[in-house]
Amino acid sequence: MCGPHGLQFEHPVELRLPHCEPSQWQNVSVPSESNNYDVGSNSVSVLIDHF
C-alpha cells in the first residue's frame, strides 16, 4: 500500500518495486489504459501521478 491516500504529484514519479525474474511470474495484470510501465530483469516500475 502506498500513501497517503489522495496525494497528488506535480509531475509523474517512478514507483519501482523489486521482484523475481518476470519469466517466473504466474499472473501479470497491467491497466490497459496505461503504457507507463516497465518490467526489468528484477523489478517492475510504473509512472504515477497520485496515490
N, C-alpha and C. Protein backbone atom coordinates (compact mmCIF):
# COMPACT_ATOMS: atom_id res chain seq x y z
N MET A 1 0.84 -1.16 0.00
CA MET A 1 0.00 0.00 0.00
C MET A 1 0.90 1.23 0.00
N CYS A 2 0.52 2.22 -0.79
CA CYS A 2 1.25 3.48 -0.85
C CYS A 2 0.36 4.60 -0.34
N GLY A 3 0.97 5.61 0.19
CA GLY A 3 0.15 6.70 0.71
C GLY A 3 1.00 7.90 1.03
N PRO A 4 0.38 8.93 1.49
CA PRO A 4 -1.00 8.97 1.97
C PRO A 4 -2.01 9.02 0.81
N HIS A 5 -3.17 8.43 1.04
CA HIS A 5 -4.22 8.40 0.04
C HIS A 5 -4.60 9.82 -0.36
N GLY A 6 -4.73 10.05 -1.66
CA GLY A 6 -5.12 11.35 -2.18
C GLY A 6 -3.95 12.26 -2.52
N LEU A 7 -2.71 11.82 -2.24
CA LEU A 7 -1.53 12.63 -2.56
C LEU A 7 -1.41 12.79 -4.07
N GLN A 8 -1.24 14.01 -4.55
CA GLN A 8 -1.07 14.31 -5.97
C GLN A 8 0.33 14.85 -6.20
N PHE A 9 1.00 14.40 -7.25
CA PHE A 9 2.32 14.88 -7.61
C PHE A 9 2.20 15.90 -8.75
N GLU A 10 3.09 16.90 -8.75
CA GLU A 10 3.09 17.88 -9.83
C GLU A 10 3.54 17.26 -11.14
N HIS A 11 4.45 16.27 -11.06
CA HIS A 11 4.97 15.56 -12.23
C HIS A 11 4.93 14.07 -11.91
N PRO A 12 4.74 13.22 -12.91
CA PRO A 12 4.75 11.78 -12.65
C PRO A 12 6.06 11.34 -11.99
N VAL A 13 5.96 10.40 -11.10
CA VAL A 13 7.13 9.82 -10.44
C VAL A 13 7.17 8.34 -10.76
N GLU A 14 8.37 7.76 -10.69
CA GLU A 14 8.53 6.34 -10.97
C GLU A 14 8.46 5.56 -9.66
N LEU A 15 7.56 4.61 -9.61
CA LEU A 15 7.46 3.69 -8.48
C LEU A 15 8.09 2.38 -8.95
N ARG A 16 9.22 2.00 -8.36
CA ARG A 16 9.95 0.80 -8.79
C ARG A 16 9.97 -0.20 -7.63
N LEU A 17 9.53 -1.42 -7.92
CA LEU A 17 9.47 -2.46 -6.90
C LEU A 17 10.33 -3.64 -7.33
N PRO A 18 11.19 -4.11 -6.42
CA PRO A 18 11.99 -5.30 -6.76
C PRO A 18 11.08 -6.51 -6.87
N HIS A 19 11.44 -7.40 -7.78
CA HIS A 19 10.63 -8.61 -7.97
C HIS A 19 11.51 -9.68 -8.57
N CYS A 20 11.06 -10.91 -8.48
CA CYS A 20 11.79 -12.03 -9.05
C CYS A 20 11.79 -11.94 -10.59
N GLU A 21 12.51 -12.80 -11.22
CA GLU A 21 12.60 -12.84 -12.69
C GLU A 21 11.19 -12.90 -13.31
N PRO A 22 10.82 -11.94 -14.20
CA PRO A 22 9.48 -11.91 -14.79
C PRO A 22 9.06 -13.22 -15.46
N SER A 23 9.99 -14.00 -15.98
CA SER A 23 9.60 -15.26 -16.62
C SER A 23 9.00 -16.23 -15.61
N GLN A 24 9.19 -15.97 -14.31
CA GLN A 24 8.64 -16.83 -13.27
C GLN A 24 7.29 -16.35 -12.77
N TRP A 25 6.81 -15.20 -13.26
CA TRP A 25 5.53 -14.68 -12.83
C TRP A 25 4.41 -15.58 -13.32
N GLN A 26 3.41 -15.79 -12.49
CA GLN A 26 2.28 -16.62 -12.87
C GLN A 26 1.16 -15.79 -13.47
N ASN A 27 1.00 -14.55 -13.00
CA ASN A 27 -0.09 -13.71 -13.48
C ASN A 27 0.38 -12.27 -13.41
N VAL A 28 0.27 -11.54 -14.54
CA VAL A 28 0.64 -10.14 -14.57
C VAL A 28 -0.57 -9.36 -15.05
N SER A 29 -0.99 -8.39 -14.27
CA SER A 29 -2.13 -7.56 -14.63
C SER A 29 -1.69 -6.11 -14.67
N VAL A 30 -1.77 -5.50 -15.86
CA VAL A 30 -1.37 -4.11 -16.05
C VAL A 30 -2.56 -3.37 -16.64
N PRO A 31 -2.91 -2.20 -16.08
CA PRO A 31 -4.06 -1.45 -16.61
C PRO A 31 -3.92 -1.22 -18.11
N SER A 32 -4.95 -1.56 -18.88
CA SER A 32 -4.88 -1.44 -20.33
C SER A 32 -4.85 0.00 -20.80
N GLU A 33 -5.34 0.94 -19.98
CA GLU A 33 -5.38 2.34 -20.41
C GLU A 33 -4.03 3.04 -20.24
N SER A 34 -3.05 2.35 -19.66
CA SER A 34 -1.76 2.99 -19.40
C SER A 34 -0.61 2.18 -19.97
N ASN A 35 0.30 2.84 -20.65
CA ASN A 35 1.52 2.19 -21.12
C ASN A 35 2.72 2.71 -20.33
N ASN A 36 2.47 3.28 -19.16
CA ASN A 36 3.52 3.88 -18.35
C ASN A 36 4.12 2.87 -17.37
N TYR A 37 4.47 1.70 -17.86
CA TYR A 37 5.07 0.69 -17.00
C TYR A 37 6.25 0.05 -17.71
N ASP A 38 7.12 -0.57 -16.92
CA ASP A 38 8.30 -1.23 -17.47
C ASP A 38 8.61 -2.43 -16.60
N VAL A 39 8.95 -3.54 -17.23
CA VAL A 39 9.34 -4.73 -16.49
C VAL A 39 10.81 -4.97 -16.78
N GLY A 40 11.64 -4.89 -15.74
CA GLY A 40 13.06 -5.15 -15.87
C GLY A 40 13.37 -6.57 -15.45
N SER A 41 14.65 -6.90 -15.38
CA SER A 41 15.03 -8.26 -15.04
C SER A 41 14.72 -8.61 -13.59
N ASN A 42 14.77 -7.64 -12.68
CA ASN A 42 14.49 -7.92 -11.27
C ASN A 42 13.58 -6.89 -10.63
N SER A 43 12.81 -6.17 -11.45
CA SER A 43 11.92 -5.17 -10.89
C SER A 43 10.81 -4.84 -11.90
N VAL A 44 9.81 -4.18 -11.39
CA VAL A 44 8.75 -3.64 -12.23
C VAL A 44 8.57 -2.20 -11.80
N SER A 45 8.35 -1.29 -12.77
CA SER A 45 8.17 0.11 -12.42
C SER A 45 6.98 0.67 -13.18
N VAL A 46 6.39 1.70 -12.60
CA VAL A 46 5.24 2.36 -13.21
C VAL A 46 5.34 3.84 -12.89
N LEU A 47 4.94 4.69 -13.86
CA LEU A 47 4.87 6.12 -13.62
C LEU A 47 3.49 6.43 -13.05
N ILE A 48 3.48 7.18 -11.94
CA ILE A 48 2.22 7.53 -11.28
C ILE A 48 2.17 9.03 -11.02
N ASP A 49 0.96 9.58 -10.95
CA ASP A 49 0.82 11.00 -10.62
C ASP A 49 0.02 11.21 -9.33
N HIS A 50 -0.38 10.14 -8.68
CA HIS A 50 -1.09 10.24 -7.40
C HIS A 50 -1.09 8.89 -6.69
N PHE A 51 -1.43 8.94 -5.42
CA PHE A 51 -1.68 7.72 -4.63
C PHE A 51 -3.14 7.63 -4.34
